[in-house]
Amino acid sequence: MKKQSTWLWVLAGIIALALFGDEVLGLIGAVIGLIVSIGITGLVMIAVVLGAFALVVAVGGSIAVAMVVAAVALVAVLFSWLWPYLLLFGIIYLLVRKRPKAV
């Protein structure tokens, strides 16, 4: 009886592949294309956000707190290319600002 049910599953799989093979291969291609289009930087960004979310949930925070932390991590990673410029502008501002007179 087990041998016959195995053959039925194989037959059902072959029929499903014949009927829905294009859609399955299209879905696999779309997922691979999405990963390639995101690139390494995007995958690192997603990993950082997921890591922040998992850390907050593991420590005992609620899902809402974890979502906020993940959103802050996403914003920080998205604007990470701005930090050197912001630091440089901050240093320049400190050098050229009018210093208040000491009383």
PDB file of N, CA and C in Angstrom:
ATOM      1  N   MET A   1       0.835  -1.194   0.000  1.00  0.00           N
ATOM      2  CA  MET A   1       0.000   0.000   0.000  1.00  0.00           C
ATOM      3  C   MET A   1       0.874   1.250   0.000  1.00  0.00           C
ATOM      4  N   LYS A   2       1.980   1.256   0.732  1.00  0.00           N
ATOM      5  CA  LYS A   2       2.862   2.410   0.795  1.00  0.00           C
ATOM      6  C   LYS A   2       3.508   2.671  -0.558  1.00  0.00           C
ATOM      7  N   LYS A   3       3.866   1.616  -1.266  1.00  0.00           N
ATOM      8  CA  LYS A   3       4.500   1.748  -2.573  1.00  0.00           C
ATOM      9  C   LYS A   3       3.544   2.420  -3.558  1.00  0.00           C
ATOM     10  N   GLN A   4       2.270   2.069  -3.502  1.00  0.00           N
ATOM     11  CA  GLN A   4       1.294   2.631  -4.416  1.00  0.00           C
ATOM     12  C   GLN A   4       1.058   4.120  -4.120  1.00  0.00           C
ATOM     13  N   SER A   5       1.010   4.514  -2.843  1.00  0.00           N
ATOM     14  CA  SER A   5       0.787   5.926  -2.517  1.00  0.00           C
ATOM     15  C   SER A   5       1.994   6.771  -2.922  1.00  0.00           C
ATOM     16  N   THR A   6       3.198   6.194  -2.872  1.00  0.00           N
ATOM     17  CA  THR A   6       4.383   6.911  -3.311  1.00  0.00           C
ATOM     18  C   THR A   6       4.295   7.202  -4.806  1.00  0.00           C
ATOM     19  N   TRP A   7       3.863   6.227  -5.564  1.00  0.00           N
ATOM     20  CA  TRP A   7       3.723   6.425  -7.000  1.00  0.00           C
ATOM     21  C   TRP A   7       2.630   7.433  -7.320  1.00  0.00           C
ATOM     22  N   LEU A   8       1.587   7.470  -6.486  1.00  0.00           N
ATOM     23  CA  LEU A   8       0.537   8.461  -6.704  1.00  0.00           C
ATOM     24  C   LEU A   8       1.067   9.875  -6.480  1.00  0.00           C
ATOM     25  N   TRP A   9       1.909  10.031  -5.445  1.00  0.00           N
ATOM     26  CA  TRP A   9       2.512  11.350  -5.177  1.00  0.00           C
ATOM     27  C   TRP A   9       3.450  11.751  -6.310  1.00  0.00           C
ATOM     28  N   VAL A  10       4.224  10.804  -6.813  1.00  0.00           N
ATOM     29  CA  VAL A  10       5.127  11.099  -7.936  1.00  0.00           C
ATOM     30  C   VAL A  10       4.314  11.483  -9.163  1.00  0.00           C
ATOM     31  N   LEU A  11       3.253  10.753  -9.438  1.00  0.00           N
ATOM     32  CA  LEU A  11       2.397  11.054 -10.572  1.00  0.00           C
ATOM     33  C   LEU A  11       1.730  12.418 -10.404  1.00  0.00           C
ATOM     34  N   ALA A  12       1.260  12.724  -9.206  1.00  0.00           N
ATOM     35  CA  ALA A  12       0.650  14.031  -8.943  1.00  0.00           C
ATOM     36  C   ALA A  12       1.680  15.152  -9.110  1.00  0.00           C
ATOM     37  N   GLY A  13       2.917  14.923  -8.681  1.00  0.00           N
ATOM     38  CA  GLY A  13       3.974  15.921  -8.852  1.00  0.00           C
ATOM     39  C   GLY A  13       4.297  16.177 -10.308  1.00  0.00           C
ATOM     40  N   ILE A  14       4.336  15.111 -11.104  1.00  0.00           N
ATOM     41  CA  ILE A  14       4.618  15.262 -12.537  1.00  0.00           C
ATOM     42  C   ILE A  14       3.479  16.017 -13.230  1.00  0.00           C
ATOM     43  N   ILE A  15       2.250  15.699 -12.863  1.00  0.00           N
ATOM     44  CA  ILE A  15       1.106  16.404 -13.453  1.00  0.00           C
ATOM     45  C   ILE A  15       1.107  17.871 -13.030  1.00  0.00           C
ATOM     46  N   ALA A  16       1.409  18.132 -11.752  1.00  0.00           N
ATOM     47  CA  ALA A  16       1.469  19.519 -11.266  1.00  0.00           C
ATOM     48  C   ALA A  16       2.583  20.284 -11.966  1.00  0.00           C
ATOM     49  N   LEU A  17       3.724  19.635 -12.180  1.00  0.00           N
ATOM     50  CA  LEU A  17       4.829  20.278 -12.875  1.00  0.00           C
ATOM     51  C   LEU A  17       4.456  20.572 -14.323  1.00  0.00           C
ATOM     52  N   ALA A  18       3.732  19.665 -14.955  1.00  0.00           N
ATOM     53  CA  ALA A  18       3.312  19.892 -16.337  1.00  0.00           C
ATOM     54  C   ALA A  18       2.314  21.042 -16.419  1.00  0.00           C
ATOM     55  N   LEU A  19       1.406  21.124 -15.440  1.00  0.00           N
ATOM     56  CA  LEU A  19       0.389  22.170 -15.473  1.00  0.00           C
ATOM     57  C   LEU A  19       0.901  23.521 -14.977  1.00  0.00           C
ATOM     58  N   PHE A  20       1.706  23.503 -13.912  1.00  0.00           N
ATOM     59  CA  PHE A  20       2.121  24.743 -13.258  1.00  0.00           C
ATOM     60  C   PHE A  20       3.621  24.976 -13.298  1.00  0.00           C
ATOM     61  N   GLY A  21       4.332  24.287 -14.179  1.00  0.00           N
ATOM     62  CA  GLY A  21       5.792  24.406 -14.233  1.00  0.00           C
ATOM     63  C   GLY A  21       6.258  25.800 -14.574  1.00  0.00           C
ATOM     64  N   ASP A  22       5.590  26.456 -15.531  1.00  0.00           N
ATOM     65  CA  ASP A  22       5.985  27.808 -15.913  1.00  0.00           C
ATOM     66  C   ASP A  22       5.843  28.784 -14.753  1.00  0.00           C
ATOM     67  N   GLU A  23       4.757  28.648 -14.001  1.00  0.00           N
ATOM     68  CA  GLU A  23       4.540  29.555 -12.873  1.00  0.00           C
ATOM     69  C   GLU A  23       5.561  29.314 -11.766  1.00  0.00           C
ATOM     70  N   VAL A  24       5.863  28.054 -11.507  1.00  0.00           N
ATOM     71  CA  VAL A  24       6.838  27.734 -10.460  1.00  0.00           C
ATOM     72  C   VAL A  24       8.221  28.250 -10.843  1.00  0.00           C
ATOM     73  N   LEU A  25       8.635  27.993 -12.076  1.00  0.00           N
ATOM     74  CA  LEU A  25       9.937  28.487 -12.528  1.00  0.00           C
ATOM     75  C   LEU A  25       9.959  30.012 -12.584  1.00  0.00           C
ATOM     76  N   GLY A  26       8.847  30.632 -12.954  1.00  0.00           N
ATOM     77  CA  GLY A  26       8.761  32.098 -12.951  1.00  0.00           C
ATOM     78  C   GLY A  26       8.901  32.667 -11.556  1.00  0.00           C
ATOM     79  N   LEU A  27       8.282  32.007 -10.575  1.00  0.00           N
ATOM     80  CA  LEU A  27       8.389  32.452  -9.190  1.00  0.00           C
ATOM     81  C   LEU A  27       9.818  32.317  -8.678  1.00  0.00           C
ATOM     82  N   ILE A  28      10.449  31.190  -8.986  1.00  0.00           N
ATOM     83  CA  ILE A  28      11.850  30.995  -8.574  1.00  0.00           C
ATOM     84  C   ILE A  28      12.741  32.045  -9.233  1.00  0.00           C
ATOM     85  N   GLY A  29      12.513  32.314 -10.521  1.00  0.00           N
ATOM     86  CA  GLY A  29      13.282  33.345 -11.215  1.00  0.00           C
ATOM     87  C   GLY A  29      13.053  34.728 -10.629  1.00  0.00           C
ATOM     88  N   ALA A  30      11.823  35.031 -10.229  1.00  0.00           N
ATOM     89  CA  ALA A  30      11.526  36.331  -9.622  1.00  0.00           C
ATOM     90  C   ALA A  30      12.239  36.498  -8.292  1.00  0.00           C
ATOM     91  N   VAL A  31      12.274  35.437  -7.484  1.00  0.00           N
ATOM     92  CA  VAL A  31      12.970  35.505  -6.196  1.00  0.00           C
ATOM     93  C   VAL A  31      14.467  35.694  -6.408  1.00  0.00           C
ATOM     94  N   ILE A  32      15.048  34.943  -7.326  1.00  0.00           N
ATOM     95  CA  ILE A  32      16.486  35.085  -7.604  1.00  0.00           C
ATOM     96  C   ILE A  32      16.773  36.473  -8.177  1.00  0.00           C
ATOM     97  N   GLY A  33      15.915  36.966  -9.063  1.00  0.00           N
ATOM     98  CA  GLY A  33      16.089  38.309  -9.615  1.00  0.00           C
ATOM     99  C   GLY A  33      15.995  39.381  -8.547  1.00  0.00           C
ATOM    100  N   LEU A  34      15.093  39.204  -7.598  1.00  0.00           N
ATOM    101  CA  LEU A  34      14.965  40.160  -6.502  1.00  0.00           C
ATOM    102  C   LEU A  34      16.226  40.193  -5.657  1.00  0.00           C
ATOM    103  N   ILE A  35      16.771  39.014  -5.362  1.00  0.00           N
ATOM    104  CA  ILE A  35      17.994  38.946  -4.562  1.00  0.00           C
ATOM    105  C   ILE A  35      19.149  39.601  -5.311  1.00  0.00           C
ATOM    106  N   VAL A  36      19.256  39.351  -6.607  1.00  0.00           N
ATOM    107  CA  VAL A  36      20.344  39.944  -7.392  1.00  0.00           C
ATOM    108  C   VAL A  36      20.163  41.452  -7.496  1.00  0.00           C
ATOM    109  N   SER A  37      18.933  41.921  -7.656  1.00  0.00           N
ATOM    110  CA  SER A  37      18.706  43.359  -7.792  1.00  0.00           C
ATOM    111  C   SER A  37      18.943  44.099  -6.485  1.00  0.00           C
ATOM    112  N   ILE A  38      18.685  43.452  -5.363  1.00  0.00           N
ATOM    113  CA  ILE A  38      18.954  44.084  -4.075  1.00  0.00           C
ATOM    114  C   ILE A  38      20.454  44.240  -3.883  1.00  0.00           C
ATOM    115  N   GLY A  39      21.203  43.222  -4.214  1.00  0.00           N
ATOM    116  CA  GLY A  39      22.648  43.299  -4.101  1.00  0.00           C
ATOM    117  C   GLY A  39      23.135  42.983  -2.704  1.00  0.00           C
ATOM    118  N   ILE A  40      24.443  42.973  -2.575  1.00  0.00           N
ATOM    119  CA  ILE A  40      25.075  42.640  -1.297  1.00  0.00           C
ATOM    120  C   ILE A  40      24.744  43.688  -0.235  1.00  0.00           C
ATOM    121  N   THR A  41      24.785  44.953  -0.606  1.00  0.00           N
ATOM    122  CA  THR A  41      24.487  46.006   0.365  1.00  0.00           C
ATOM    123  C   THR A  41      23.070  45.882   0.887  1.00  0.00           C
ATOM    124  N   GLY A  42      22.144  45.596   0.005  1.00  0.00           N
ATOM    125  CA  GLY A  42      20.761  45.430   0.435  1.00  0.00           C
ATOM    126  C   GLY A  42      20.575  44.228   1.339  1.00  0.00           C
ATOM    127  N   LEU A  43      21.274  43.144   1.027  1.00  0.00           N
ATOM    128  CA  LEU A  43      21.177  41.959   1.884  1.00  0.00           C
ATOM    129  C   LEU A  43      21.766  42.223   3.262  1.00  0.00           C
ATOM    130  N   VAL A  44      22.872  42.972   3.319  1.00  0.00           N
ATOM    131  CA  VAL A  44      23.458  43.337   4.619  1.00  0.00           C
ATOM    132  C   VAL A  44      22.493  44.233   5.378  1.00  0.00           C
ATOM    133  N   MET A  45      21.851  45.153   4.675  1.00  0.00           N
ATOM    134  CA  MET A  45      20.894  46.045   5.297  1.00  0.00           C
ATOM    135  C   MET A  45      19.727  45.257   5.887  1.00  0.00           C
ATOM    136  N   ILE A  46      19.207  44.319   5.129  1.00  0.00           N
ATOM    137  CA  ILE A  46      18.108  43.486   5.618  1.00  0.00           C
ATOM    138  C   ILE A  46      18.557  42.642   6.805  1.00  0.00           C
ATOM    139  N   ALA A  47      19.787  42.136   6.757  1.00  0.00           N
ATOM    140  CA  ALA A  47      20.311  41.335   7.864  1.00  0.00           C
ATOM    141  C   ALA A  47      20.434  42.168   9.134  1.00  0.00           C
ATOM    142  N   VAL A  48      20.874  43.414   9.015  1.00  0.00           N
ATOM    143  CA  VAL A  48      20.998  44.286  10.187  1.00  0.00           C
ATOM    144  C   VAL A  48      19.631  44.552  10.796  1.00  0.00           C
ATOM    145  N   VAL A  49      18.657  44.836   9.962  1.00  0.00           N
ATOM    146  CA  VAL A  49      17.309  45.118  10.465  1.00  0.00           C
ATOM    147  C   VAL A  49      16.704  43.874  11.115  1.00  0.00           C
ATOM    148  N   LEU A  50      16.847  42.719  10.476  1.00  0.00           N
ATOM    149  CA  LEU A  50      16.333  41.481  11.070  1.00  0.00           C
ATOM    150  C   LEU A  50      17.067  41.140  12.364  1.00  0.00           C
ATOM    151  N   GLY A  51      18.360  41.404  12.401  1.00  0.00           N
ATOM    152  CA  GLY A  51      19.126  41.159  13.627  1.00  0.00           C
ATOM    153  C   GLY A  51      18.655  42.044  14.768  1.00  0.00           C
ATOM    154  N   ALA A  52      18.396  43.324  14.479  1.00  0.00           N
ATOM    155  CA  ALA A  52      17.897  44.225  15.519  1.00  0.00           C
ATOM    156  C   ALA A  52      16.531  43.773  16.009  1.00  0.00           C
ATOM    157  N   PHE A  53      15.669  43.382  15.088  1.00  0.00           N
ATOM    158  CA  PHE A  53      14.346  42.896  15.464  1.00  0.00           C
ATOM    159  C   PHE A  53      14.446  41.647  16.337  1.00  0.00           C
ATOM    160  N   ALA A  54      15.271  40.693  15.909  1.00  0.00           N
ATOM    161  CA  ALA A  54      15.417  39.443  16.661  1.00  0.00           C
ATOM    162  C   ALA A  54      16.026  39.682  18.032  1.00  0.00           C
ATOM    163  N   LEU A  55      16.975  40.596  18.119  1.00  0.00           N
ATOM    164  CA  LEU A  55      17.610  40.886  19.410  1.00  0.00           C
ATOM    165  C   LEU A  55      16.611  41.453  20.401  1.00  0.00           C
ATOM    166  N   VAL A  56      15.785  42.384  19.953  1.00  0.00           N
ATOM    167  CA  VAL A  56      14.802  42.981  20.867  1.00  0.00           C
ATOM    168  C   VAL A  56      13.772  41.944  21.298  1.00  0.00           C
ATOM    169  N   VAL A  57      13.329  41.100  20.374  1.00  0.00           N
ATOM    170  CA  VAL A  57      12.347  40.076  20.735  1.00  0.00           C
ATOM    171  C   VAL A  57      12.975  39.055  21.673  1.00  0.00           C
ATOM    172  N   ALA A  58      14.242  38.702  21.443  1.00  0.00           N
ATOM    173  CA  ALA A  58      14.909  37.708  22.296  1.00  0.00           C
ATOM    174  C   ALA A  58      15.149  38.243  23.697  1.00  0.00           C
ATOM    175  N   VAL A  59      15.442  39.530  23.817  1.00  0.00           N
ATOM    176  CA  VAL A  59      15.705  40.115  25.136  1.00  0.00           C
ATOM    177  C   VAL A  59      14.419  40.198  25.950  1.00  0.00           C
ATOM    178  N   GLY A  60      13.292  40.265  25.282  1.00  0.00           N
ATOM    179  CA  GLY A  60      12.029  40.270  26.009  1.00  0.00           C
ATOM    180  C   GLY A  60      11.146  41.452  25.675  1.00  0.00           C
ATOM    181  N   GLY A  61      11.516  42.203  24.648  1.00  0.00           N
ATOM    182  CA  GLY A  61      10.694  43.334  24.251  1.00  0.00           C
ATOM    183  C   GLY A  61       9.461  42.875  23.491  1.00  0.00           C
ATOM    184  N   SER A  62       8.515  43.768  23.388  1.00  0.00           N
ATOM    185  CA  SER A  62       7.298  43.437  22.652  1.00  0.00           C
ATOM    186  C   SER A  62       7.554  43.568  21.154  1.00  0.00           C
ATOM    187  N   ILE A  63       6.607  43.102  20.387  1.00  0.00           N
ATOM    188  CA  ILE A  63       6.718  43.182  18.929  1.00  0.00           C
ATOM    189  C   ILE A  63       6.722  44.646  18.493  1.00  0.00           C
ATOM    190  N   ALA A  64       5.936  45.488  19.155  1.00  0.00           N
ATOM    191  CA  ALA A  64       5.886  46.909  18.797  1.00  0.00           C
ATOM    192  C   ALA A  64       7.243  47.571  19.012  1.00  0.00           C
ATOM    193  N   VAL A  65       7.877  47.285  20.138  1.00  0.00           N
ATOM    194  CA  VAL A  65       9.208  47.848  20.412  1.00  0.00           C
ATOM    195  C   VAL A  65      10.210  47.314  19.390  1.00  0.00           C
ATOM    196  N   ALA A  66      10.099  46.043  19.069  1.00  0.00           N
ATOM    197  CA  ALA A  66      11.005  45.449  18.091  1.00  0.00           C
ATOM    198  C   ALA A  66      10.813  46.088  16.718  1.00  0.00           C
ATOM    199  N   MET A  67       9.586  46.392  16.354  1.00  0.00           N
ATOM    200  CA  MET A  67       9.336  47.059  15.068  1.00  0.00           C
ATOM    201  C   MET A  67       9.935  48.460  15.050  1.00  0.00           C
ATOM    202  N   VAL A  68       9.837  49.175  16.162  1.00  0.00           N
ATOM    203  CA  VAL A  68      10.421  50.517  16.233  1.00  0.00           C
ATOM    204  C   VAL A  68      11.935  50.436  16.118  1.00  0.00           C
ATOM    205  N   VAL A  69      12.544  49.504  16.836  1.00  0.00           N
ATOM    206  CA  VAL A  69      13.998  49.341  16.766  1.00  0.00           C
ATOM    207  C   VAL A  69      14.423  48.939  15.359  1.00  0.00           C
ATOM    208  N   ALA A  70      13.684  48.056  14.729  1.00  0.00           N
ATOM    209  CA  ALA A  70      13.999  47.652  13.355  1.00  0.00           C
ATOM    210  C   ALA A  70      13.861  48.831  12.394  1.00  0.00           C
ATOM    211  N   ALA A  71      12.858  49.671  12.594  1.00  0.00           N
ATOM    212  CA  ALA A  71      12.688  50.848  11.736  1.00  0.00           C
ATOM    213  C   ALA A  71      13.834  51.831  11.925  1.00  0.00           C
ATOM    214  N   VAL A  72      14.253  52.040  13.172  1.00  0.00           N
ATOM    215  CA  VAL A  72      15.391  52.931  13.436  1.00  0.00           C
ATOM    216  C   VAL A  72      16.663  52.357  12.821  1.00  0.00           C
ATOM    217  N   ALA A  73      16.847  51.045  12.927  1.00  0.00           N
ATOM    218  CA  ALA A  73      18.016  50.410  12.310  1.00  0.00           C
ATOM    219  C   ALA A  73      17.974  50.547  10.796  1.00  0.00           C
ATOM    220  N   LEU A  74      16.803  50.405  10.208  1.00  0.00           N
ATOM    221  CA  LEU A  74      16.670  50.561   8.760  1.00  0.00           C
ATOM    222  C   LEU A  74      17.001  51.985   8.332  1.00  0.00           C
ATOM    223  N   VAL A  75      16.507  52.973   9.072  1.00  0.00           N
ATOM    224  CA  VAL A  75      16.812  54.369   8.745  1.00  0.00           C
ATOM    225  C   VAL A  75      18.304  54.627   8.890  1.00  0.00           C
ATOM    226  N   ALA A  76      18.911  54.110   9.961  1.00  0.00           N
ATOM    227  CA  ALA A  76      20.345  54.310  10.164  1.00  0.00           C
ATOM    228  C   ALA A  76      21.162  53.668   9.053  1.00  0.00           C
ATOM    229  N   VAL A  77      20.765  52.489   8.619  1.00  0.00           N
ATOM    230  CA  VAL A  77      21.512  51.813   7.559  1.00  0.00           C
ATOM    231  C   VAL A  77      21.271  52.494   6.215  1.00  0.00           C
ATOM    232  N   LEU A  78      20.040  52.935   5.972  1.00  0.00           N
ATOM    233  CA  LEU A  78      19.751  53.603   4.702  1.00  0.00           C
ATOM    234  C   LEU A  78      20.535  54.906   4.554  1.00  0.00           C
ATOM    235  N   PHE A  79      20.698  55.621   5.651  1.00  0.00           N
ATOM    236  CA  PHE A  79      21.414  56.887   5.589  1.00  0.00           C
ATOM    237  C   PHE A  79      22.854  56.771   6.051  1.00  0.00           C
ATOM    238  N   SER A  80      23.382  55.569   6.072  1.00  0.00           N
ATOM    239  CA  SER A  80      24.752  55.391   6.543  1.00  0.00           C
ATOM    240  C   SER A  80      25.760  56.063   5.626  1.00  0.00           C
ATOM    241  N   TRP A  81      25.437  56.233   4.367  1.00  0.00           N
ATOM    242  CA  TRP A  81      26.353  56.921   3.465  1.00  0.00           C
ATOM    243  C   TRP A  81      26.429  58.410   3.774  1.00  0.00           C
ATOM    244  N   LEU A  82      25.465  58.945   4.560  1.00  0.00           N
ATOM    245  CA  LEU A  82      25.489  60.365   4.907  1.00  0.00           C
ATOM    246  C   LEU A  82      26.347  60.680   6.127  1.00  0.00           C
ATOM    247  N   TRP A  83      26.628  59.705   6.983  1.00  0.00           N
ATOM    248  CA  TRP A  83      27.291  59.989   8.249  1.00  0.00           C
ATOM    249  C   TRP A  83      28.648  60.670   8.099  1.00  0.00           C
ATOM    250  N   PRO A  84      29.518  60.281   7.172  1.00  0.00           N
ATOM    251  CA  PRO A  84      30.788  61.021   7.051  1.00  0.00           C
ATOM    252  C   PRO A  84      30.587  62.489   6.689  1.00  0.00           C
ATOM    253  N   TYR A  85      29.609  62.744   5.821  1.00  0.00           N
ATOM    254  CA  TYR A  85      29.342  64.128   5.441  1.00  0.00           C
ATOM    255  C   TYR A  85      28.762  64.918   6.611  1.00  0.00           C
ATOM    256  N   LEU A  86      27.843  64.313   7.347  1.00  0.00           N
ATOM    257  CA  LEU A  86      27.274  64.991   8.511  1.00  0.00           C
ATOM    258  C   LEU A  86      28.341  65.276   9.561  1.00  0.00           C
ATOM    259  N   LEU A  87      29.243  64.334   9.766  1.00  0.00           N
ATOM    260  CA  LEU A  87      30.336  64.546  10.709  1.00  0.00           C
ATOM    261  C   LEU A  87      31.245  65.676  10.243  1.00  0.00           C
ATOM    262  N   LEU A  88      31.577  65.695   8.957  1.00  0.00           N
ATOM    263  CA  LEU A  88      32.427  66.750   8.407  1.00  0.00           C
ATOM    264  C   LEU A  88      31.752  68.104   8.538  1.00  0.00           C
ATOM    265  N   PHE A  89      30.466  68.195   8.195  1.00  0.00           N
ATOM    266  CA  PHE A  89      29.751  69.463   8.326  1.00  0.00           C
ATOM    267  C   PHE A  89      29.659  69.897   9.789  1.00  0.00           C
ATOM    268  N   GLY A  90      29.503  68.945  10.704  1.00  0.00           N
ATOM    269  CA  GLY A  90      29.477  69.276  12.124  1.00  0.00           C
ATOM    270  C   GLY A  90      30.801  69.845  12.605  1.00  0.00           C
ATOM    271  N   ILE A  91      31.900  69.259  12.168  1.00  0.00           N
ATOM    272  CA  ILE A  91      33.222  69.762  12.552  1.00  0.00           C
ATOM    273  C   ILE A  91      33.448  71.153  11.971  1.00  0.00           C
ATOM    274  N   ILE A  92      33.078  71.342  10.704  1.00  0.00           N
ATOM    275  CA  ILE A  92      33.233  72.661  10.087  1.00  0.00           C
ATOM    276  C   ILE A  92      32.373  73.690  10.808  1.00  0.00           C
ATOM    277  N   TYR A  93      31.153  73.319  11.179  1.00  0.00           N
ATOM    278  CA  TYR A  93      30.294  74.235  11.923  1.00  0.00           C
ATOM    279  C   TYR A  93      30.929  74.622  13.245  1.00  0.00           C
ATOM    280  N   LEU A  94      31.483  73.653  13.957  1.00  0.00           N
ATOM    281  CA  LEU A  94      32.113  73.972  15.242  1.00  0.00           C
ATOM    282  C   LEU A  94      33.322  74.887  15.067  1.00  0.00           C
ATOM    283  N   LEU A  95      34.008  74.789  13.953  1.00  0.00           N
ATOM    284  CA  LEU A  95      35.180  75.629  13.721  1.00  0.00           C
ATOM    285  C   LEU A  95      34.818  77.054  13.305  1.00  0.00           C
ATOM    286  N   VAL A  96      33.744  77.242  12.578  1.00  0.00           N
ATOM    287  CA  VAL A  96      33.444  78.569  12.030  1.00  0.00           C
ATOM    288  C   VAL A  96      32.312  79.295  12.754  1.00  0.00           C
ATOM    289  N   ARG A  97      31.677  78.711  13.706  1.00  0.00           N
ATOM    290  CA  ARG A  97      30.566  79.372  14.391  1.00  0.00           C
ATOM    291  C   ARG A  97      31.081  80.509  15.265  1.00  0.00           C
ATOM    292  N   LYS A  98      30.186  81.430  15.558  1.00  0.00           N
ATOM    293  CA  LYS A  98      30.539  82.508  16.476  1.00  0.00           C
ATOM    294  C   LYS A  98      30.479  81.953  17.893  1.00  0.00           C
ATOM    295  N   ARG A  99      31.571  82.066  18.560  1.00  0.00           N
ATOM    296  CA  ARG A  99      31.598  81.558  19.938  1.00  0.00           C
ATOM    297  C   ARG A  99      30.968  82.579  20.872  1.00  0.00           C
ATOM    298  N   PRO A 100      30.160  82.091  21.806  1.00  0.00           N
ATOM    299  CA  PRO A 100      29.571  83.048  22.760  1.00  0.00           C
ATOM    300  C   PRO A 100      30.666  83.609  23.678  1.00  0.00           C
ATOM    301  N   LYS A 101      30.466  84.853  24.065  1.00  0.00           N
ATOM    302  CA  LYS A 101      31.429  85.512  24.946  1.00  0.00           C
ATOM    303  C   LYS A 101      31.285  84.969  26.354  1.00  0.00           C
ATOM    304  N   ALA A 102      32.405  84.675  26.959  1.00  0.00           N
ATOM    305  CA  ALA A 102      32.375  84.210  28.348  1.00  0.00           C
ATOM    306  C   ALA A 102      32.078  85.391  29.251  1.00  0.00           C
ATOM    307  N   VAL A 103      31.255  85.177  30.251  1.00  0.00           N
ATOM    308  CA  VAL A 103      30.861  86.283  31.156  1.00  0.00           C
ATOM    309  C   VAL A 103      31.786  86.364  32.325  1.00  0.00           C
TER     310      VAL A 103
END
